[in-house]
Amino acid sequence: MRRLSLLCLVALAFALAGCGNKGPLVMPTKTPAAAATTPAPAASTPAPATSAPTPQP
């Protein structure tokens, strides 16, 4: 009887521990490797000026 209760306790511990992931199972999306490594193009338009330039003497 003691062996059975120990086995149940160990089984309960393993069931509660699980694999450590929280939430539903999510399969990774398959993306092409070339598209993932291509950097985004830089913005070519300059930012608008926030104040008027000061005149130089």
C-alpha atoms as a PDB file:
ATOM      1  CA  MET A   1       0.000   0.000   0.000  1.00  0.00           C
ATOM      2  CA  ARG A   2       2.843   2.392   0.811  1.00  0.00           C
ATOM      3  CA  ARG A   3       4.443   1.724  -2.580  1.00  0.00           C
ATOM      4  CA  LEU A   4       1.166   2.518  -4.364  1.00  0.00           C
ATOM      5  CA  SER A   5       0.725   5.852  -2.554  1.00  0.00           C
ATOM      6  CA  LEU A   6       4.337   6.794  -3.337  1.00  0.00           C
ATOM      7  CA  LEU A   7       3.780   5.938  -7.003  1.00  0.00           C
ATOM      8  CA  CYS A   8       0.600   8.051  -7.063  1.00  0.00           C
ATOM      9  CA  LEU A   9       2.418  10.953  -5.424  1.00  0.00           C
ATOM     10  CA  VAL A  10       5.246  10.807  -7.976  1.00  0.00           C
ATOM     11  CA  ALA A  11       2.756  10.546 -10.863  1.00  0.00           C
ATOM     12  CA  LEU A  12       0.869  13.555  -9.516  1.00  0.00           C
ATOM     13  CA  ALA A  13       4.097  15.564  -9.256  1.00  0.00           C
ATOM     14  CA  PHE A  14       5.006  14.756 -12.866  1.00  0.00           C
ATOM     15  CA  ALA A  15       1.493  15.622 -14.058  1.00  0.00           C
ATOM     16  CA  LEU A  16       1.541  18.983 -12.289  1.00  0.00           C
ATOM     17  CA  ALA A  17       5.060  19.822 -13.441  1.00  0.00           C
ATOM     18  CA  GLY A  18       4.329  19.239 -17.123  1.00  0.00           C
ATOM     19  CA  CYS A  19       6.888  20.600 -19.534  1.00  0.00           C
ATOM     20  CA  GLY A  20       6.965  24.128 -18.150  1.00  0.00           C
ATOM     21  CA  ASN A  21       5.217  25.830 -21.079  1.00  0.00           C
ATOM     22  CA  LYS A  22       2.206  27.932 -20.253  1.00  0.00           C
ATOM     23  CA  GLY A  23      -0.823  28.313 -22.507  1.00  0.00           C
ATOM     24  CA  PRO A  24      -1.825  26.402 -25.633  1.00  0.00           C
ATOM     25  CA  LEU A  25       0.592  24.570 -27.894  1.00  0.00           C
ATOM     26  CA  VAL A  26       1.827  26.823 -30.697  1.00  0.00           C
ATOM     27  CA  MET A  27       3.572  25.420 -33.745  1.00  0.00           C
ATOM     28  CA  PRO A  28       6.251  27.711 -35.243  1.00  0.00           C
ATOM     29  CA  THR A  29       5.397  29.336 -38.553  1.00  0.00           C
ATOM     30  CA  LYS A  30       7.543  28.446 -41.540  1.00  0.00           C
ATOM     31  CA  THR A  31       9.057  31.585 -43.045  1.00  0.00           C
ATOM     32  CA  PRO A  32      11.608  31.649 -45.855  1.00  0.00           C
ATOM     33  CA  ALA A  33      15.133  32.157 -44.529  1.00  0.00           C
ATOM     34  CA  ALA A  34      15.993  34.780 -47.187  1.00  0.00           C
ATOM     35  CA  ALA A  35      13.068  37.011 -46.229  1.00  0.00           C
ATOM     36  CA  ALA A  36      13.884  36.809 -42.531  1.00  0.00           C
ATOM     37  CA  THR A  37      17.488  37.993 -42.985  1.00  0.00           C
ATOM     38  CA  THR A  38      16.776  40.906 -45.381  1.00  0.00           C
ATOM     39  CA  PRO A  39      16.999  44.237 -43.494  1.00  0.00           C
ATOM     40  CA  ALA A  40      14.217  46.767 -43.848  1.00  0.00           C
ATOM     41  CA  PRO A  41      14.998  49.735 -46.161  1.00  0.00           C
ATOM     42  CA  ALA A  42      15.961  52.964 -44.418  1.00  0.00           C
ATOM     43  CA  ALA A  43      13.653  55.974 -44.625  1.00  0.00           C
ATOM     44  CA  SER A  44      14.855  58.325 -47.369  1.00  0.00           C
ATOM     45  CA  THR A  45      12.854  61.390 -46.373  1.00  0.00           C
ATOM     46  CA  PRO A  46      14.360  63.648 -43.693  1.00  0.00           C
ATOM     47  CA  ALA A  47      12.415  64.499 -40.583  1.00  0.00           C
ATOM     48  CA  PRO A  48      10.664  67.885 -40.645  1.00  0.00           C
ATOM     49  CA  ALA A  49      12.410  70.762 -38.878  1.00  0.00           C
ATOM     50  CA  THR A  50      10.913  71.630 -35.514  1.00  0.00           C
ATOM     51  CA  SER A  51      12.242  75.183 -35.316  1.00  0.00           C
ATOM     52  CA  ALA A  52      13.506  77.864 -37.693  1.00  0.00           C
ATOM     53  CA  PRO A  53      17.283  78.033 -38.154  1.00  0.00           C
ATOM     54  CA  THR A  54      19.027  80.846 -36.274  1.00  0.00           C
ATOM     55  CA  PRO A  55      20.917  83.395 -38.433  1.00  0.00           C
ATOM     56  CA  GLN A  56      24.687  83.384 -38.148  1.00  0.00           C
ATOM     57  CA  PRO A  57      26.350  86.846 -37.602  1.00  0.00           C
END
